[in-house]
Amino acid sequence: MIFKTIFNLIWRYFDVICFVLALICINIGAFLLMKAIALITIGLSLALIGWLSEVVDDDKGGGK
């Protein structure tokens, strides 16, 4: 029963977890190539996460 509860909790946020892990892997890969590229990808990743959080917040009727 406890495993089913944990699985349901993880499954609810699975797409967000995969998205964040993908951004982490992209940023690590960019850092291995060049430091300047890594800083640019980190900035773009943070901007994308910020924008997506605003879109999700507006879709749920939050914010204002």
N, C-alpha and C. Protein backbone atom coordinates (compact mmCIF):
# COMPACT_ATOMS: atom_id res chain seq x y z
N MET A 1 0.82 -1.19 0.00
CA MET A 1 0.00 0.00 0.00
C MET A 1 0.87 1.26 0.00
N ILE A 2 1.95 1.26 0.77
CA ILE A 2 2.82 2.42 0.82
C ILE A 2 3.51 2.65 -0.52
N PHE A 3 3.86 1.55 -1.20
CA PHE A 3 4.52 1.69 -2.50
C PHE A 3 3.58 2.29 -3.54
N LYS A 4 2.32 1.93 -3.47
CA LYS A 4 1.34 2.49 -4.39
C LYS A 4 1.19 3.99 -4.17
N THR A 5 1.19 4.42 -2.93
CA THR A 5 1.09 5.84 -2.61
C THR A 5 2.31 6.60 -3.11
N ILE A 6 3.49 6.04 -2.88
CA ILE A 6 4.72 6.68 -3.34
C ILE A 6 4.75 6.73 -4.86
N PHE A 7 4.35 5.64 -5.52
CA PHE A 7 4.35 5.60 -6.98
C PHE A 7 3.40 6.64 -7.55
N ASN A 8 2.21 6.78 -6.96
CA ASN A 8 1.25 7.78 -7.44
C ASN A 8 1.79 9.19 -7.27
N LEU A 9 2.50 9.45 -6.18
CA LEU A 9 3.08 10.77 -5.95
C LEU A 9 4.17 11.08 -6.97
N ILE A 10 5.04 10.10 -7.23
CA ILE A 10 6.10 10.29 -8.22
C ILE A 10 5.51 10.43 -9.62
N TRP A 11 4.51 9.64 -9.94
CA TRP A 11 3.93 9.67 -11.28
C TRP A 11 3.27 11.02 -11.56
N ARG A 12 2.73 11.67 -10.54
CA ARG A 12 2.08 12.96 -10.71
C ARG A 12 3.07 14.02 -11.18
N TYR A 13 4.30 13.95 -10.72
CA TYR A 13 5.31 14.94 -11.05
C TYR A 13 6.40 14.39 -11.98
N PHE A 14 6.13 13.27 -12.63
CA PHE A 14 7.13 12.60 -13.46
C PHE A 14 7.61 13.49 -14.61
N ASP A 15 6.71 14.19 -15.29
CA ASP A 15 7.11 15.01 -16.42
C ASP A 15 7.97 16.19 -15.97
N VAL A 16 7.67 16.75 -14.81
CA VAL A 16 8.48 17.85 -14.29
C VAL A 16 9.87 17.35 -13.90
N ILE A 17 9.93 16.19 -13.28
CA ILE A 17 11.22 15.59 -12.90
C ILE A 17 12.06 15.33 -14.14
N CYS A 18 11.45 14.77 -15.18
CA CYS A 18 12.19 14.49 -16.43
C CYS A 18 12.66 15.79 -17.09
N PHE A 19 11.83 16.81 -17.07
CA PHE A 19 12.20 18.09 -17.66
C PHE A 19 13.41 18.70 -16.94
N VAL A 20 13.38 18.69 -15.62
CA VAL A 20 14.49 19.25 -14.85
C VAL A 20 15.76 18.43 -15.05
N LEU A 21 15.64 17.11 -15.05
CA LEU A 21 16.81 16.27 -15.29
C LEU A 21 17.39 16.48 -16.68
N ALA A 22 16.53 16.69 -17.67
CA ALA A 22 17.02 16.97 -19.02
C ALA A 22 17.80 18.28 -19.06
N LEU A 23 17.28 19.30 -18.40
CA LEU A 23 18.00 20.58 -18.35
C LEU A 23 19.33 20.44 -17.64
N ILE A 24 19.37 19.66 -16.57
CA ILE A 24 20.62 19.44 -15.86
C ILE A 24 21.64 18.75 -16.76
N CYS A 25 21.21 17.74 -17.49
CA CYS A 25 22.13 17.02 -18.38
C CYS A 25 22.63 17.92 -19.51
N ILE A 26 21.75 18.75 -20.06
CA ILE A 26 22.17 19.68 -21.11
C ILE A 26 23.20 20.66 -20.57
N ASN A 27 22.96 21.18 -19.37
CA ASN A 27 23.90 22.15 -18.79
C ASN A 27 25.24 21.51 -18.45
N ILE A 28 25.23 20.29 -17.95
CA ILE A 28 26.50 19.60 -17.66
C ILE A 28 27.26 19.34 -18.96
N GLY A 29 26.55 18.91 -19.99
CA GLY A 29 27.19 18.68 -21.28
C GLY A 29 27.78 19.95 -21.86
N ALA A 30 27.06 21.05 -21.72
CA ALA A 30 27.58 22.32 -22.21
C ALA A 30 28.80 22.76 -21.41
N PHE A 31 28.78 22.51 -20.11
CA PHE A 31 29.93 22.88 -19.28
C PHE A 31 31.16 22.08 -19.66
N LEU A 32 30.96 20.83 -20.05
CA LEU A 32 32.09 20.01 -20.48
C LEU A 32 32.68 20.51 -21.80
N LEU A 33 31.86 21.15 -22.61
CA LEU A 33 32.35 21.70 -23.87
C LEU A 33 33.11 23.01 -23.65
N MET A 34 32.41 23.99 -23.10
CA MET A 34 33.02 25.30 -22.86
C MET A 34 32.29 25.99 -21.73
N LYS A 35 33.04 26.73 -20.93
CA LYS A 35 32.44 27.42 -19.79
C LYS A 35 31.47 28.51 -20.24
N ALA A 36 31.79 29.23 -21.30
CA ALA A 36 30.92 30.31 -21.77
C ALA A 36 29.59 29.75 -22.26
N ILE A 37 29.65 28.65 -22.98
CA ILE A 37 28.42 28.01 -23.46
C ILE A 37 27.58 27.53 -22.28
N ALA A 38 28.24 27.02 -21.25
CA ALA A 38 27.53 26.54 -20.06
C ALA A 38 26.78 27.67 -19.39
N LEU A 39 27.40 28.83 -19.26
CA LEU A 39 26.72 29.96 -18.63
C LEU A 39 25.52 30.41 -19.44
N ILE A 40 25.63 30.36 -20.75
CA ILE A 40 24.50 30.73 -21.61
C ILE A 40 23.37 29.72 -21.46
N THR A 41 23.69 28.42 -21.45
CA THR A 41 22.63 27.42 -21.32
C THR A 41 21.98 27.46 -19.93
N ILE A 42 22.75 27.77 -18.91
CA ILE A 42 22.15 27.91 -17.57
C ILE A 42 21.17 29.08 -17.55
N GLY A 43 21.57 30.18 -18.15
CA GLY A 43 20.67 31.33 -18.22
C GLY A 43 19.40 31.03 -19.00
N LEU A 44 19.56 30.35 -20.14
CA LEU A 44 18.39 29.97 -20.92
C LEU A 44 17.50 28.98 -20.19
N SER A 45 18.11 28.06 -19.46
CA SER A 45 17.33 27.08 -18.70
C SER A 45 16.52 27.76 -17.60
N LEU A 46 17.15 28.68 -16.89
CA LEU A 46 16.43 29.39 -15.83
C LEU A 46 15.32 30.26 -16.40
N ALA A 47 15.56 30.89 -17.55
CA ALA A 47 14.52 31.69 -18.19
C ALA A 47 13.36 30.81 -18.63
N LEU A 48 13.67 29.64 -19.17
CA LEU A 48 12.62 28.72 -19.61
C LEU A 48 11.80 28.20 -18.44
N ILE A 49 12.46 27.86 -17.35
CA ILE A 49 11.73 27.38 -16.17
C ILE A 49 10.85 28.49 -15.61
N GLY A 50 11.37 29.72 -15.56
CA GLY A 50 10.56 30.84 -15.09
C GLY A 50 9.35 31.10 -15.96
N TRP A 51 9.54 31.06 -17.27
CA TRP A 51 8.43 31.28 -18.18
C TRP A 51 7.39 30.17 -18.06
N LEU A 52 7.85 28.92 -17.99
CA LEU A 52 6.91 27.81 -17.88
C LEU A 52 6.14 27.85 -16.56
N SER A 53 6.79 28.27 -15.48
CA SER A 53 6.08 28.36 -14.20
C SER A 53 4.99 29.43 -14.27
N GLU A 54 5.23 30.51 -15.00
CA GLU A 54 4.19 31.53 -15.19
C GLU A 54 3.04 31.00 -16.03
N VAL A 55 3.36 30.25 -17.08
CA VAL A 55 2.32 29.69 -17.93
C VAL A 55 1.45 28.71 -17.15
N VAL A 56 2.08 27.85 -16.36
CA VAL A 56 1.33 26.88 -15.56
C VAL A 56 0.49 27.59 -14.52
N ASP A 57 1.04 28.62 -13.90
CA ASP A 57 0.32 29.37 -12.88
C ASP A 57 -0.91 30.05 -13.47
N ASP A 58 -0.77 30.63 -14.68
CA ASP A 58 -1.90 31.27 -15.34
C ASP A 58 -2.97 30.27 -15.74
N ASP A 59 -2.55 29.07 -16.17
CA ASP A 59 -3.51 28.05 -16.57
C ASP A 59 -4.34 27.56 -15.38
N LYS A 60 -3.75 27.57 -14.20
CA LYS A 60 -4.47 27.10 -13.02
C LYS A 60 -5.27 28.20 -12.35
N GLY A 61 -5.21 29.41 -12.88
CA GLY A 61 -5.99 30.50 -12.33
C GLY A 61 -5.33 31.19 -11.15
N GLY A 62 -4.04 30.99 -10.97
CA GLY A 62 -3.35 31.60 -9.85
C GLY A 62 -2.82 32.97 -10.24
N GLY A 63 -1.94 33.46 -9.42
CA GLY A 63 -1.32 34.74 -9.73
C GLY A 63 -2.18 35.90 -9.29
N LYS A 64 -2.53 36.74 -10.20
CA LYS A 64 -3.28 37.97 -9.96
C LYS A 64 -4.39 37.75 -9.03
